[in-house]
C-alpha atoms as a PDB file:
ATOM      1  CA  MET A   1     111.887 100.603  90.592  1.00  0.00           C
ATOM      2  CA  PRO A   2     112.401 103.527  88.167  1.00  0.00           C
ATOM      3  CA  ALA A   3     115.224 105.904  88.966  1.00  0.00           C
ATOM      4  CA  GLU A   4     113.139 109.105  88.882  1.00  0.00           C
ATOM      5  CA  ILE A   5     109.755 108.071  90.326  1.00  0.00           C
ATOM      6  CA  TYR A   6     109.566 105.099  92.656  1.00  0.00           C
ATOM      7  CA  ASN A   7     105.966 104.259  91.825  1.00  0.00           C
ATOM      8  CA  VAL A   8     105.445 101.123  93.859  1.00  0.00           C
ATOM      9  CA  PHE A   9     101.725 100.923  93.170  1.00  0.00           C
ATOM     10  CA  TYR A  10     102.924  98.553  90.449  1.00  0.00           C
ATOM     11  CA  ALA A  11     105.877  97.038  92.306  1.00  0.00           C
ATOM     12  CA  THR A  12     104.398  95.266  95.310  1.00  0.00           C
ATOM     13  CA  ASP A  13     107.098  92.597  95.460  1.00  0.00           C
ATOM     14  CA  GLU A  14     109.847  95.219  95.644  1.00  0.00           C
ATOM     15  CA  LEU A  15     108.002  97.122  98.360  1.00  0.00           C
ATOM     16  CA  SER A  16     107.412  93.927 100.356  1.00  0.00           C
ATOM     17  CA  GLU A  17     111.115  93.155 100.114  1.00  0.00           C
ATOM     18  CA  LEU A  18     112.017  96.674 101.269  1.00  0.00           C
ATOM     19  CA  LEU A  19     109.678  96.479 104.256  1.00  0.00           C
ATOM     20  CA  CYS A  20     110.918  92.998 105.202  1.00  0.00           C
ATOM     21  CA  LYS A  21     114.526  94.221 105.168  1.00  0.00           C
ATOM     22  CA  GLN A  22     113.670  97.223 107.322  1.00  0.00           C
ATOM     23  CA  ILE A  23     111.853  95.056 109.872  1.00  0.00           C
ATOM     24  CA  ARG A  24     114.569  92.364 109.903  1.00  0.00           C
ATOM     25  CA  ASN A  25     117.361  94.915 110.322  1.00  0.00           C
ATOM     26  CA  ASN A  26     115.689  96.551 113.307  1.00  0.00           C
ATOM     27  CA  PHE A  27     113.689  93.778 114.967  1.00  0.00           C
ATOM     28  CA  PHE A  28     113.165  90.201 113.753  1.00  0.00           C
ATOM     29  CA  LEU A  29     111.206  88.548 110.952  1.00  0.00           C
ATOM     30  CA  SER A  30     109.798  85.026 110.842  1.00  0.00           C
ATOM     31  CA  GLU A  31     108.684  83.022 107.826  1.00  0.00           C
ATOM     32  CA  LYS A  32     105.063  83.690 108.759  1.00  0.00           C
ATOM     33  CA  ASP A  33     105.844  87.396 109.008  1.00  0.00           C
ATOM     34  CA  ILE A  34     107.148  87.399 105.430  1.00  0.00           C
ATOM     35  CA  VAL A  35     103.876  85.951 104.164  1.00  0.00           C
ATOM     36  CA  ASP A  36     101.856  88.414 106.236  1.00  0.00           C
ATOM     37  CA  VAL A  37     103.961  91.363 105.052  1.00  0.00           C
ATOM     38  CA  SER A  38     103.166  90.464 101.438  1.00  0.00           C
ATOM     39  CA  TYR A  39      99.449  90.316 102.232  1.00  0.00           C
ATOM     40  CA  ALA A  40      99.518  93.538 104.257  1.00  0.00           C
ATOM     41  CA  VAL A  41     101.441  95.422 101.574  1.00  0.00           C
ATOM     42  CA  LYS A  42      98.951  94.555  98.834  1.00  0.00           C
ATOM     43  CA  LEU A  43      95.953  95.718 100.850  1.00  0.00           C
ATOM     44  CA  ALA A  44      97.759  98.747 102.273  1.00  0.00           C
ATOM     45  CA  LEU A  45      98.665  99.850  98.753  1.00  0.00           C
ATOM     46  CA  LEU A  46      95.007  99.819  97.738  1.00  0.00           C
ATOM     47  CA  ARG A  47      94.180 102.067 100.682  1.00  0.00           C
ATOM     48  CA  THR A  48      97.214 104.260 100.022  1.00  0.00           C
ATOM     49  CA  LYS A  49      96.190 104.797  96.424  1.00  0.00           C
ATOM     50  CA  ARG A  50      92.637 105.624  97.516  1.00  0.00           C
ATOM     51  CA  CYS A  51      94.092 108.215  99.895  1.00  0.00           C
ATOM     52  CA  PHE A  52      96.604 109.700  97.452  1.00  0.00           C
ATOM     53  CA  ILE A  53      94.318 109.962  94.454  1.00  0.00           C
ATOM     54  CA  GLU A  54      92.270 112.614  96.283  1.00  0.00           C
ATOM     55  CA  ASN A  55      95.385 114.736  96.822  1.00  0.00           C
ATOM     56  CA  ASN A  56      96.521 117.644  94.644  1.00  0.00           C
ATOM     57  CA  ASN A  57     100.049 117.870  96.056  1.00  0.00           C
ATOM     58  CA  LYS A  58     102.617 117.866  93.257  1.00  0.00           C
ATOM     59  CA  TYR A  59     104.722 115.148  94.882  1.00  0.00           C
ATOM     60  CA  TYR A  60     101.834 112.695  94.571  1.00  0.00           C
ATOM     61  CA  TRP A  61     101.540 112.970  90.788  1.00  0.00           C
ATOM     62  CA  SER A  62     103.826 112.308  87.829  1.00  0.00           C
ATOM     63  CA  ASP A  63     104.252 114.702  84.905  1.00  0.00           C
ATOM     64  CA  SER A  64     101.990 112.423  82.888  1.00  0.00           C
ATOM     65  CA  GLY A  65      99.145 112.810  85.397  1.00  0.00           C
ATOM     66  CA  GLU A  66      99.540 109.444  87.126  1.00  0.00           C
ATOM     67  CA  VAL A  67      99.188 109.147  90.896  1.00  0.00           C
ATOM     68  CA  VAL A  68     102.454 107.876  92.363  1.00  0.00           C
ATOM     69  CA  PHE A  69     103.842 106.586  95.640  1.00  0.00           C
ATOM     70  CA  ASN A  70     107.489 107.201  96.498  1.00  0.00           C
ATOM     71  CA  PRO A  71     108.540 105.137  99.556  1.00  0.00           C
ATOM     72  CA  PHE A  72     111.476 107.511 100.002  1.00  0.00           C
ATOM     73  CA  HIS A  73     109.105 110.431 100.574  1.00  0.00           C
ATOM     74  CA  SER A  74     108.726 110.434 104.359  1.00  0.00           C
ATOM     75  CA  GLY A  75     105.143 111.674 104.451  1.00  0.00           C
ATOM     76  CA  GLN A  76     103.970 109.181 101.837  1.00  0.00           C
ATOM     77  CA  TYR A  77     105.764 106.278 103.461  1.00  0.00           C
ATOM     78  CA  SER A  78     104.376 107.192 106.874  1.00  0.00           C
ATOM     79  CA  ILE A  79     100.813 106.950 105.542  1.00  0.00           C
ATOM     80  CA  PHE A  80     101.564 103.621 103.883  1.00  0.00           C
ATOM     81  CA  LEU A  81     103.126 102.144 107.048  1.00  0.00           C
ATOM     82  CA  TYR A  82     100.097 103.202 109.067  1.00  0.00           C
ATOM     83  CA  PHE A  83      97.809 101.334 106.672  1.00  0.00           C
ATOM     84  CA  ALA A  84     100.191  98.347 106.572  1.00  0.00           C
ATOM     85  CA  SER A  85     100.195  98.046 110.373  1.00  0.00           C
ATOM     86  CA  GLN A  86      96.401  97.918 110.353  1.00  0.00           C
ATOM     87  CA  GLU A  87      96.401  95.238 107.671  1.00  0.00           C
ATOM     88  CA  ALA A  88      98.887  93.191 109.717  1.00  0.00           C
ATOM     89  CA  VAL A  89      96.346  93.153 112.558  1.00  0.00           C
ATOM     90  CA  LYS A  90      93.809  91.659 110.135  1.00  0.00           C
ATOM     91  CA  CYS A  91      96.325  88.838 109.574  1.00  0.00           C
ATOM     92  CA  ASN A  92      96.069  88.092 113.314  1.00  0.00           C
ATOM     93  CA  ASN A  93      99.686  89.200 113.617  1.00  0.00           C
ATOM     94  CA  ARG A  94      99.705  91.982 116.178  1.00  0.00           C
ATOM     95  CA  SER A  95     103.417  91.500 116.777  1.00  0.00           C
ATOM     96  CA  LEU A  96     104.069  92.366 113.134  1.00  0.00           C
ATOM     97  CA  ALA A  97     101.676  95.326 113.426  1.00  0.00           C
ATOM     98  CA  ASP A  98     103.637  96.529 116.459  1.00  0.00           C
ATOM     99  CA  ARG A  99     106.907  96.310 114.564  1.00  0.00           C
ATOM    100  CA  ILE A 100     105.546  98.212 111.558  1.00  0.00           C
ATOM    101  CA  TYR A 101     104.090 100.861 113.879  1.00  0.00           C
ATOM    102  CA  TYR A 102     107.430 101.132 115.690  1.00  0.00           C
ATOM    103  CA  LEU A 103     109.277 101.300 112.362  1.00  0.00           C
ATOM    104  CA  ASN A 104     107.070 104.222 111.344  1.00  0.00           C
ATOM    105  CA  LYS A 105     108.059 106.068 114.528  1.00  0.00           C
ATOM    106  CA  MET A 106     111.737 105.325 113.936  1.00  0.00           C
ATOM    107  CA  LEU A 107     111.849 106.315 110.277  1.00  0.00           C
ATOM    108  CA  ASN A 108     109.403 109.209 110.171  1.00  0.00           C
ATOM    109  CA  GLY A 109     109.169 110.431 113.758  1.00  0.00           C
ATOM    110  CA  CYS A 110     105.395 110.097 113.611  1.00  0.00           C
ATOM    111  CA  ASP A 111     103.204 108.290 116.145  1.00  0.00           C
ATOM    112  CA  ILE A 112     100.085 106.848 114.484  1.00  0.00           C
ATOM    113  CA  TYR A 113      99.035 103.713 116.330  1.00  0.00           C
ATOM    114  CA  TYR A 114      97.170 101.135 114.276  1.00  0.00           C
ATOM    115  CA  GLU A 115      94.163 101.219 116.614  1.00  0.00           C
ATOM    116  CA  VAL A 116      93.710 104.924 115.874  1.00  0.00           C
ATOM    117  CA  MET A 117      91.128 105.228 113.096  1.00  0.00           C
ATOM    118  CA  LEU A 118      92.239 107.960 110.714  1.00  0.00           C
ATOM    119  CA  PRO A 119      89.887 108.548 107.750  1.00  0.00           C
ATOM    120  CA  ASP A 120      90.180 107.019 104.293  1.00  0.00           C
ATOM    121  CA  VAL A 121      91.508 110.301 102.912  1.00  0.00           C
ATOM    122  CA  PHE A 122      93.972 112.362 104.916  1.00  0.00           C
ATOM    123  CA  PHE A 123      97.183 114.278 104.291  1.00  0.00           C
ATOM    124  CA  LEU A 124     100.220 114.950 106.434  1.00  0.00           C
ATOM    125  CA  GLU A 125     103.008 117.374 105.768  1.00  0.00           C
ATOM    126  CA  HIS A 126     106.299 116.962 107.627  1.00  0.00           C
ATOM    127  CA  PRO A 127     105.059 114.333 110.113  1.00  0.00           C
ATOM    128  CA  VAL A 128     107.995 114.678 112.520  1.00  0.00           C
ATOM    129  CA  ALA A 129     107.024 114.830 116.216  1.00  0.00           C
ATOM    130  CA  SER A 130     103.276 114.487 115.627  1.00  0.00           C
ATOM    131  CA  VAL A 131     101.145 112.172 117.756  1.00  0.00           C
ATOM    132  CA  MET A 132      97.704 111.244 116.450  1.00  0.00           C
ATOM    133  CA  GLY A 133      95.843 109.712 119.361  1.00  0.00           C
ATOM    134  CA  ARG A 134      92.383 108.263 119.741  1.00  0.00           C
ATOM    135  CA  ALA A 135      89.680 110.505 118.332  1.00  0.00           C
ATOM    136  CA  SER A 136      86.848 110.498 115.813  1.00  0.00           C
ATOM    137  CA  TYR A 137      88.366 111.820 112.584  1.00  0.00           C
ATOM    138  CA  GLY A 138      86.394 113.136 109.620  1.00  0.00           C
ATOM    139  CA  ASN A 139      87.567 112.780 106.032  1.00  0.00           C
ATOM    140  CA  TYR A 140      90.083 115.220 104.537  1.00  0.00           C
ATOM    141  CA  PHE A 141      92.032 115.529 107.774  1.00  0.00           C
ATOM    142  CA  VAL A 142      95.412 117.316 107.605  1.00  0.00           C
ATOM    143  CA  PHE A 143      98.188 117.648 110.151  1.00  0.00           C
ATOM    144  CA  GLN A 144     101.704 119.044 110.139  1.00  0.00           C
ATOM    145  CA  GLN A 145     104.783 118.718 112.329  1.00  0.00           C
ATOM    146  CA  GLY A 146     104.587 118.748 116.093  1.00  0.00           C
ATOM    147  CA  CYS A 147     100.815 118.223 116.327  1.00  0.00           C
ATOM    148  CA  THR A 148      99.099 116.322 119.125  1.00  0.00           C
ATOM    149  CA  VAL A 149      95.637 114.773 119.356  1.00  0.00           C
ATOM    150  CA  GLY A 150      94.754 112.991 122.581  1.00  0.00           C
ATOM    151  CA  GLY A 151      92.463 112.365 125.516  1.00  0.00           C
ATOM    152  CA  ASN A 152      91.755 114.132 128.763  1.00  0.00           C
ATOM    153  CA  HIS A 153      90.032 112.363 131.675  1.00  0.00           C
ATOM    154  CA  GLY A 154      88.711 109.674 129.351  1.00  0.00           C
ATOM    155  CA  TYR A 155      87.286 112.049 126.727  1.00  0.00           C
ATOM    156  CA  TYR A 156      88.586 112.291 123.168  1.00  0.00           C
ATOM    157  CA  PRO A 157      88.189 114.847 120.353  1.00  0.00           C
ATOM    158  CA  ARG A 158      85.693 114.651 117.491  1.00  0.00           C
ATOM    159  CA  PHE A 159      86.573 116.176 114.140  1.00  0.00           C
ATOM    160  CA  GLY A 160      84.322 117.089 111.220  1.00  0.00           C
ATOM    161  CA  GLU A 161      85.463 117.022 107.597  1.00  0.00           C
ATOM    162  CA  PHE A 162      88.478 119.014 106.450  1.00  0.00           C
ATOM    163  CA  VAL A 163      90.139 119.957 109.704  1.00  0.00           C
ATOM    164  CA  TRP A 164      93.719 121.160 109.334  1.00  0.00           C
ATOM    165  CA  LEU A 165      96.102 121.142 112.305  1.00  0.00           C
ATOM    166  CA  PHE A 166      98.955 123.512 111.561  1.00  0.00           C
ATOM    167  CA  ALA A 167     102.420 123.102 113.096  1.00  0.00           C
ATOM    168  CA  ASN A 168     102.488 122.414 116.846  1.00  0.00           C
ATOM    169  CA  ALA A 169      98.702 122.545 117.222  1.00  0.00           C
ATOM    170  CA  THR A 170      97.177 120.471 120.042  1.00  0.00           C
ATOM    171  CA  VAL A 171      93.604 119.204 120.338  1.00  0.00           C
ATOM    172  CA  ILE A 172      92.691 117.171 123.415  1.00  0.00           C
ATOM    173  CA  GLY A 173      89.826 116.079 125.606  1.00  0.00           C
ATOM    174  CA  ASN A 174      86.116 116.583 125.165  1.00  0.00           C
ATOM    175  CA  THR A 175      86.524 118.777 122.105  1.00  0.00           C
ATOM    176  CA  SER A 176      84.126 118.918 119.170  1.00  0.00           C
ATOM    177  CA  ILE A 177      85.494 120.546 116.026  1.00  0.00           C
ATOM    178  CA  GLY A 178      83.229 121.192 113.074  1.00  0.00           C
ATOM    179  CA  SER A 179      83.981 120.968 109.361  1.00  0.00           C
ATOM    180  CA  ASN A 180      86.236 123.397 107.513  1.00  0.00           C
ATOM    181  CA  VAL A 181      88.335 124.345 110.532  1.00  0.00           C
ATOM    182  CA  PHE A 182      91.960 125.494 110.614  1.00  0.00           C
ATOM    183  CA  VAL A 183      93.654 125.127 114.010  1.00  0.00           C
ATOM    184  CA  SER A 184      96.491 127.619 113.753  1.00  0.00           C
ATOM    185  CA  ALA A 185     100.137 126.995 114.562  1.00  0.00           C
ATOM    186  CA  GLY A 186     100.748 126.600 118.281  1.00  0.00           C
ATOM    187  CA  ALA A 187      97.077 126.608 119.258  1.00  0.00           C
ATOM    188  CA  LEU A 188      95.856 124.502 122.196  1.00  0.00           C
ATOM    189  CA  VAL A 189      92.225 123.389 122.099  1.00  0.00           C
ATOM    190  CA  LYS A 190      91.015 121.563 125.206  1.00  0.00           C
ATOM    191  CA  ASP A 191      87.409 120.632 126.031  1.00  0.00           C
ATOM    192  CA  GLU A 192      85.958 123.125 123.535  1.00  0.00           C
ATOM    193  CA  VAL A 193      83.256 123.331 120.852  1.00  0.00           C
ATOM    194  CA  VAL A 194      84.475 124.860 117.598  1.00  0.00           C
ATOM    195  CA  PRO A 195      81.845 125.545 114.909  1.00  0.00           C
ATOM    196  CA  ASP A 196      82.131 124.988 111.167  1.00  0.00           C
ATOM    197  CA  ASN A 197      84.091 127.398 108.966  1.00  0.00           C
ATOM    198  CA  THR A 198      86.382 128.663 111.716  1.00  0.00           C
ATOM    199  CA  ILE A 199      90.032 129.571 112.179  1.00  0.00           C
ATOM    200  CA  VAL A 200      91.211 128.866 115.740  1.00  0.00           C
ATOM    201  CA  PHE A 201      93.923 130.907 117.457  1.00  0.00           C
ATOM    202  CA  GLY A 202      95.323 130.919 120.986  1.00  0.00           C
ATOM    203  CA  GLN A 203      94.940 128.496 123.863  1.00  0.00           C
ATOM    204  CA  SER A 204      91.974 127.236 125.864  1.00  0.00           C
ATOM    205  CA  PRO A 205      90.108 128.623 127.676  1.00  0.00           C
ATOM    206  CA  ASN A 206      90.938 131.863 125.864  1.00  0.00           C
ATOM    207  CA  LEU A 207      90.555 130.834 122.233  1.00  0.00           C
ATOM    208  CA  ILE A 208      90.045 133.341 119.448  1.00  0.00           C
ATOM    209  CA  LEU A 209      87.626 132.067 116.784  1.00  0.00           C
ATOM    210  CA  LYS A 210      87.341 133.749 113.399  1.00  0.00           C
ATOM    211  CA  THR A 211      84.568 132.745 111.017  1.00  0.00           C
ATOM    212  CA  LYS A 212      85.236 132.577 107.282  1.00  0.00           C
ATOM    213  CA  PRO A 213      83.138 131.413 104.310  1.00  0.00           C
ATOM    214  CA  SER A 214      83.731 127.811 103.251  1.00  0.00           C
ATOM    215  CA  GLU A 215      85.396 129.045 100.054  1.00  0.00           C
ATOM    216  CA  TYR A 216      88.211 130.487 102.146  1.00  0.00           C
ATOM    217  CA  PHE A 217      89.156 127.025 103.365  1.00  0.00           C
ATOM    218  CA  TYR A 218      88.674 125.310 100.009  1.00  0.00           C
ATOM    219  CA  LYS A 219      91.118 127.703  98.313  1.00  0.00           C
ATOM    220  CA  SER A 220      93.882 126.344 100.556  1.00  0.00           C
ATOM    221  CA  SER A 221      92.771 122.726 100.387  1.00  0.00           C
ATOM    222  CA  PRO A 222      95.137 120.038  99.081  1.00  0.00           C
ATOM    223  CA  PHE A 223      92.148 117.870  98.130  1.00  0.00           C
ATOM    224  CA  LYS A 224      90.469 117.531  94.756  1.00  0.00           C
ATOM    225  CA  ALA A 225      86.950 117.508  96.175  1.00  0.00           C
ATOM    226  CA  HIS A 226      87.266 121.083  97.422  1.00  0.00           C
ATOM    227  CA  ASN A 227      88.814 122.304  94.173  1.00  0.00           C
ATOM    228  CA  GLU A 228      85.875 120.786  92.318  1.00  0.00           C
ATOM    229  CA  ILE A 229      83.427 122.659  94.553  1.00  0.00           C
ATOM    230  CA  LEU A 230      85.202 125.925  93.797  1.00  0.00           C
ATOM    231  CA  ALA A 231      85.203 125.158  90.084  1.00  0.00           C
ATOM    232  CA  ARG A 232      81.439 124.593  90.105  1.00  0.00           C
ATOM    233  CA  GLN A 233      80.892 127.881  91.914  1.00  0.00           C
ATOM    234  CA  SER A 234      82.980 129.925  89.500  1.00  0.00           C
END
């Protein structure tokens, strides 16, 4: 791989070898696993590229304008491992999926189980200590460090498009969050309904909701789609 940008979108064999070594060094790896890793890596890379190409973050693009994937960027590698664990399940190799999921927790400190259905396009920044549990996630989902999504008495959250969980935000239970919503740092949202175009502060049941125009959220968005909307409006 190149010394400056480890763009493994075009180096699947090297990435498969890296992942095999990481699994073998921490767990075990059979001959069947090696074949399944190769298959999972190829499909996971397609999904990773689909996810990254919607992102404006400077670390996801080369100076020449090419989308890149650096496996030594923790956030990028965490997303890839999540996709790879799901592809391992499709190989009827849940043991391998478990090991990749566990590896993701070990390397990146992020808990994203392969049965949790994150959207095609999402972004995470500093994934350490975040737990993304079962929920219905809309596209353009963002979370930062220390965030938690989970159930309460058998109910799970529902997210619209472009929901951003800032550091240490928690969303649990029978919660419905609309589109274009920022859940501020340290907020706790439990069994609530949050409308579109809202900034959420505080803790349930005493939340503070502030309404903003959609443009407010798009100006902060790391996604191309929202920048394009702003460009058309200008």
